[in-house]
Amino acid sequence: MWQLLFTGCRLGKVLSLSRGQVEFTQKRLRFDEHRHGFVFPGDGKQGHIINLRKPWLCVLKETELTNIRIHDLRHTFASAAANQGVSLKAIRKLLGHASIQSTQRYAKLSNAHLAEQSEKIFAD
């Protein structure tokens, strides 16, 4: 599930990844046509699993979390990036959003980050 949290990718994109698209030493995913077997193979027509419902429910049970959707990991990625100072334009591109308005709905600034930015205004 790290691919979802640490990349901001859509579930379908992660589930259809091939081994050739995962560059472990560079810590990145390549979304091109280099496909050599799926990272998450499945028995269906697509050749890869299409649903993480059961594993996700196990994660929620094990962590005692409730009311969290797997899609919320994209929101977490966007918010973490925004709180690290990544521009909305860059986050938009990373998430594959067509509009900056979509990205603004995803990327939420924490109160701590806002307080830190406010303090910078009057520093020195």
C-alpha atoms as a PDB file:
ATOM      1  CA  MET A   1       0.000   0.000   0.000  1.00  0.00           C
ATOM      2  CA  TRP A   2       3.077   2.235   0.170  1.00  0.00           C
ATOM      3  CA  GLN A   3       2.608   2.875  -3.549  1.00  0.00           C
ATOM      4  CA  LEU A   4      -0.704   4.547  -2.779  1.00  0.00           C
ATOM      5  CA  LEU A   5       0.446   6.607   0.188  1.00  0.00           C
ATOM      6  CA  PHE A   6       3.863   7.675  -1.033  1.00  0.00           C
ATOM      7  CA  THR A   7       3.044   8.331  -4.683  1.00  0.00           C
ATOM      8  CA  GLY A   8      -0.492   9.713  -4.621  1.00  0.00           C
ATOM      9  CA  CYS A   9      -1.355   7.360  -7.494  1.00  0.00           C
ATOM     10  CA  ARG A  10      -4.871   6.259  -8.204  1.00  0.00           C
ATOM     11  CA  LEU A  11      -5.688   2.704  -7.105  1.00  0.00           C
ATOM     12  CA  GLY A  12      -6.197   1.452 -10.662  1.00  0.00           C
ATOM     13  CA  LYS A  13      -2.809   2.832 -11.711  1.00  0.00           C
ATOM     14  CA  VAL A  14      -1.011   1.075  -8.859  1.00  0.00           C
ATOM     15  CA  LEU A  15      -2.805  -2.222  -9.352  1.00  0.00           C
ATOM     16  CA  SER A  16      -1.908  -2.293 -13.050  1.00  0.00           C
ATOM     17  CA  LEU A  17       1.808  -1.640 -12.456  1.00  0.00           C
ATOM     18  CA  SER A  18       4.205  -4.053 -14.111  1.00  0.00           C
ATOM     19  CA  ARG A  19       7.502  -5.074 -12.545  1.00  0.00           C
ATOM     20  CA  GLY A  20       9.379  -3.119 -15.214  1.00  0.00           C
ATOM     21  CA  GLN A  21       7.703   0.095 -14.109  1.00  0.00           C
ATOM     22  CA  VAL A  22       8.987  -0.097 -10.521  1.00  0.00           C
ATOM     23  CA  GLU A  23      12.491   1.307 -10.088  1.00  0.00           C
ATOM     24  CA  PHE A  24      13.412   0.393  -6.537  1.00  0.00           C
ATOM     25  CA  THR A  25      16.909   1.901  -6.472  1.00  0.00           C
ATOM     26  CA  GLN A  26      15.632   5.241  -7.809  1.00  0.00           C
ATOM     27  CA  LYS A  27      12.542   5.034  -5.565  1.00  0.00           C
ATOM     28  CA  ARG A  28      10.157   5.844  -8.390  1.00  0.00           C
ATOM     29  CA  LEU A  29       7.469   4.419 -10.625  1.00  0.00           C
ATOM     30  CA  ARG A  30       7.636   4.737 -14.408  1.00  0.00           C
ATOM     31  CA  PHE A  31       4.330   5.009 -16.226  1.00  0.00           C
ATOM     32  CA  ASP A  32       5.220   3.986 -19.739  1.00  0.00           C
ATOM     33  CA  GLU A  33       4.706   0.910 -21.860  1.00  0.00           C
ATOM     34  CA  HIS A  34       7.501  -1.230 -20.345  1.00  0.00           C
ATOM     35  CA  ARG A  35       5.369  -4.072 -19.032  1.00  0.00           C
ATOM     36  CA  HIS A  36       6.931  -7.343 -17.892  1.00  0.00           C
ATOM     37  CA  GLY A  37       4.443  -9.056 -15.588  1.00  0.00           C
ATOM     38  CA  PHE A  38       2.207  -7.322 -13.106  1.00  0.00           C
ATOM     39  CA  VAL A  39       3.337  -6.359  -9.607  1.00  0.00           C
ATOM     40  CA  PHE A  40      -0.095  -7.447  -8.338  1.00  0.00           C
ATOM     41  CA  PRO A  41      -1.086 -10.366 -10.611  1.00  0.00           C
ATOM     42  CA  GLY A  42      -4.639 -11.646 -10.578  1.00  0.00           C
ATOM     43  CA  ASP A  43      -6.830 -14.288 -12.176  1.00  0.00           C
ATOM     44  CA  GLY A  44      -9.189 -11.936 -14.020  1.00  0.00           C
ATOM     45  CA  LYS A  45      -9.218 -10.714 -17.617  1.00  0.00           C
ATOM     46  CA  GLN A  46      -6.971  -7.734 -16.813  1.00  0.00           C
ATOM     47  CA  GLY A  47      -4.173  -9.968 -15.534  1.00  0.00           C
ATOM     48  CA  HIS A  48      -3.902  -8.001 -12.288  1.00  0.00           C
ATOM     49  CA  ILE A  49      -6.017  -7.644  -9.168  1.00  0.00           C
ATOM     50  CA  ILE A  50      -8.617  -4.924  -9.428  1.00  0.00           C
ATOM     51  CA  ASN A  51      -9.765  -4.556  -5.847  1.00  0.00           C
ATOM     52  CA  LEU A  52      -8.010  -4.149  -2.493  1.00  0.00           C
ATOM     53  CA  ARG A  53     -11.189  -4.225  -0.415  1.00  0.00           C
ATOM     54  CA  LYS A  54     -10.335  -7.294   1.679  1.00  0.00           C
ATOM     55  CA  PRO A  55      -6.690  -6.333   2.389  1.00  0.00           C
ATOM     56  CA  TRP A  56      -7.797  -2.763   3.173  1.00  0.00           C
ATOM     57  CA  LEU A  57     -10.392  -4.003   5.657  1.00  0.00           C
ATOM     58  CA  CYS A  58      -7.642  -6.067   7.339  1.00  0.00           C
ATOM     59  CA  VAL A  59      -5.450  -2.966   7.599  1.00  0.00           C
ATOM     60  CA  LEU A  60      -8.294  -0.989   9.160  1.00  0.00           C
ATOM     61  CA  LYS A  61      -9.076  -3.765  11.625  1.00  0.00           C
ATOM     62  CA  GLU A  62      -5.416  -4.228  12.607  1.00  0.00           C
ATOM     63  CA  THR A  63      -4.914  -0.486  13.144  1.00  0.00           C
ATOM     64  CA  GLU A  64      -8.330   0.041  14.735  1.00  0.00           C
ATOM     65  CA  LEU A  65      -9.099   2.817  12.259  1.00  0.00           C
ATOM     66  CA  THR A  66     -12.593   3.466  10.955  1.00  0.00           C
ATOM     67  CA  ASN A  67     -14.223   5.495   8.193  1.00  0.00           C
ATOM     68  CA  ILE A  68     -11.060   5.717   6.093  1.00  0.00           C
ATOM     69  CA  ARG A  69     -11.265   4.963   2.391  1.00  0.00           C
ATOM     70  CA  ILE A  70      -8.313   3.729   0.395  1.00  0.00           C
ATOM     71  CA  HIS A  71      -8.747   6.834  -1.786  1.00  0.00           C
ATOM     72  CA  ASP A  72      -8.028   8.953   1.299  1.00  0.00           C
ATOM     73  CA  LEU A  73      -4.362   7.986   0.846  1.00  0.00           C
ATOM     74  CA  ARG A  74      -4.272  10.302  -2.195  1.00  0.00           C
ATOM     75  CA  HIS A  75      -5.559  13.133  -0.010  1.00  0.00           C
ATOM     76  CA  THR A  76      -2.926  12.290   2.612  1.00  0.00           C
ATOM     77  CA  PHE A  77      -0.195  12.396  -0.041  1.00  0.00           C
ATOM     78  CA  ALA A  78      -1.390  15.788  -1.309  1.00  0.00           C
ATOM     79  CA  SER A  79      -1.634  17.253   2.200  1.00  0.00           C
ATOM     80  CA  ALA A  80       1.795  15.933   3.191  1.00  0.00           C
ATOM     81  CA  ALA A  81       3.298  17.455   0.049  1.00  0.00           C
ATOM     82  CA  ALA A  82       1.591  20.815   0.657  1.00  0.00           C
ATOM     83  CA  ASN A  83       2.777  20.883   4.277  1.00  0.00           C
ATOM     84  CA  GLN A  84       6.333  20.242   3.055  1.00  0.00           C
ATOM     85  CA  GLY A  85       6.110  23.313   0.830  1.00  0.00           C
ATOM     86  CA  VAL A  86       5.528  21.555  -2.505  1.00  0.00           C
ATOM     87  CA  SER A  87       3.649  23.906  -4.835  1.00  0.00           C
ATOM     88  CA  LEU A  88       0.024  23.214  -5.747  1.00  0.00           C
ATOM     89  CA  LYS A  89       1.084  23.162  -9.389  1.00  0.00           C
ATOM     90  CA  ALA A  90       3.570  20.358  -8.701  1.00  0.00           C
ATOM     91  CA  ILE A  91       1.053  18.440  -6.575  1.00  0.00           C
ATOM     92  CA  ARG A  92      -1.522  18.802  -9.372  1.00  0.00           C
ATOM     93  CA  LYS A  93       0.911  17.222 -11.827  1.00  0.00           C
ATOM     94  CA  LEU A  94       1.874  14.439  -9.408  1.00  0.00           C
ATOM     95  CA  LEU A  95      -1.772  13.548  -8.806  1.00  0.00           C
ATOM     96  CA  GLY A  96      -2.656  13.819 -12.482  1.00  0.00           C
ATOM     97  CA  HIS A  97      -5.377  16.415 -11.887  1.00  0.00           C
ATOM     98  CA  ALA A  98      -6.605  18.445 -14.832  1.00  0.00           C
ATOM     99  CA  SER A  99      -7.484  21.441 -12.669  1.00  0.00           C
ATOM    100  CA  ILE A 100      -5.848  23.158  -9.733  1.00  0.00           C
ATOM    101  CA  GLN A 101      -9.280  23.301  -8.056  1.00  0.00           C
ATOM    102  CA  SER A 102      -9.276  19.510  -7.656  1.00  0.00           C
ATOM    103  CA  THR A 103      -5.835  19.677  -6.094  1.00  0.00           C
ATOM    104  CA  GLN A 104      -6.976  22.384  -3.681  1.00  0.00           C
ATOM    105  CA  ARG A 105      -9.686  20.019  -2.413  1.00  0.00           C
ATOM    106  CA  TYR A 106      -7.044  17.350  -1.771  1.00  0.00           C
ATOM    107  CA  ALA A 107      -4.180  19.381  -0.263  1.00  0.00           C
ATOM    108  CA  LYS A 108      -5.028  20.583   3.237  1.00  0.00           C
ATOM    109  CA  LEU A 109      -2.586  22.630   5.301  1.00  0.00           C
ATOM    110  CA  SER A 110      -2.184  21.656   8.946  1.00  0.00           C
ATOM    111  CA  ASN A 111      -2.638  24.201  11.730  1.00  0.00           C
ATOM    112  CA  ALA A 112       1.006  23.665  12.707  1.00  0.00           C
ATOM    113  CA  HIS A 113       2.169  24.484   9.179  1.00  0.00           C
ATOM    114  CA  LEU A 114       0.003  27.605   9.068  1.00  0.00           C
ATOM    115  CA  ALA A 115       1.353  28.762  12.439  1.00  0.00           C
ATOM    116  CA  GLU A 116       4.930  28.186  11.230  1.00  0.00           C
ATOM    117  CA  GLN A 117       4.281  30.197   8.069  1.00  0.00           C
ATOM    118  CA  SER A 118       2.647  32.977  10.086  1.00  0.00           C
ATOM    119  CA  GLU A 119       5.694  33.229  12.343  1.00  0.00           C
ATOM    120  CA  LYS A 120       7.948  33.657   9.284  1.00  0.00           C
ATOM    121  CA  ILE A 121       6.099  36.842   8.332  1.00  0.00           C
ATOM    122  CA  PHE A 122       7.302  38.727  11.385  1.00  0.00           C
ATOM    123  CA  ALA A 123      10.608  36.930  11.981  1.00  0.00           C
ATOM    124  CA  ASP A 124      13.697  39.082  12.514  1.00  0.00           C
END
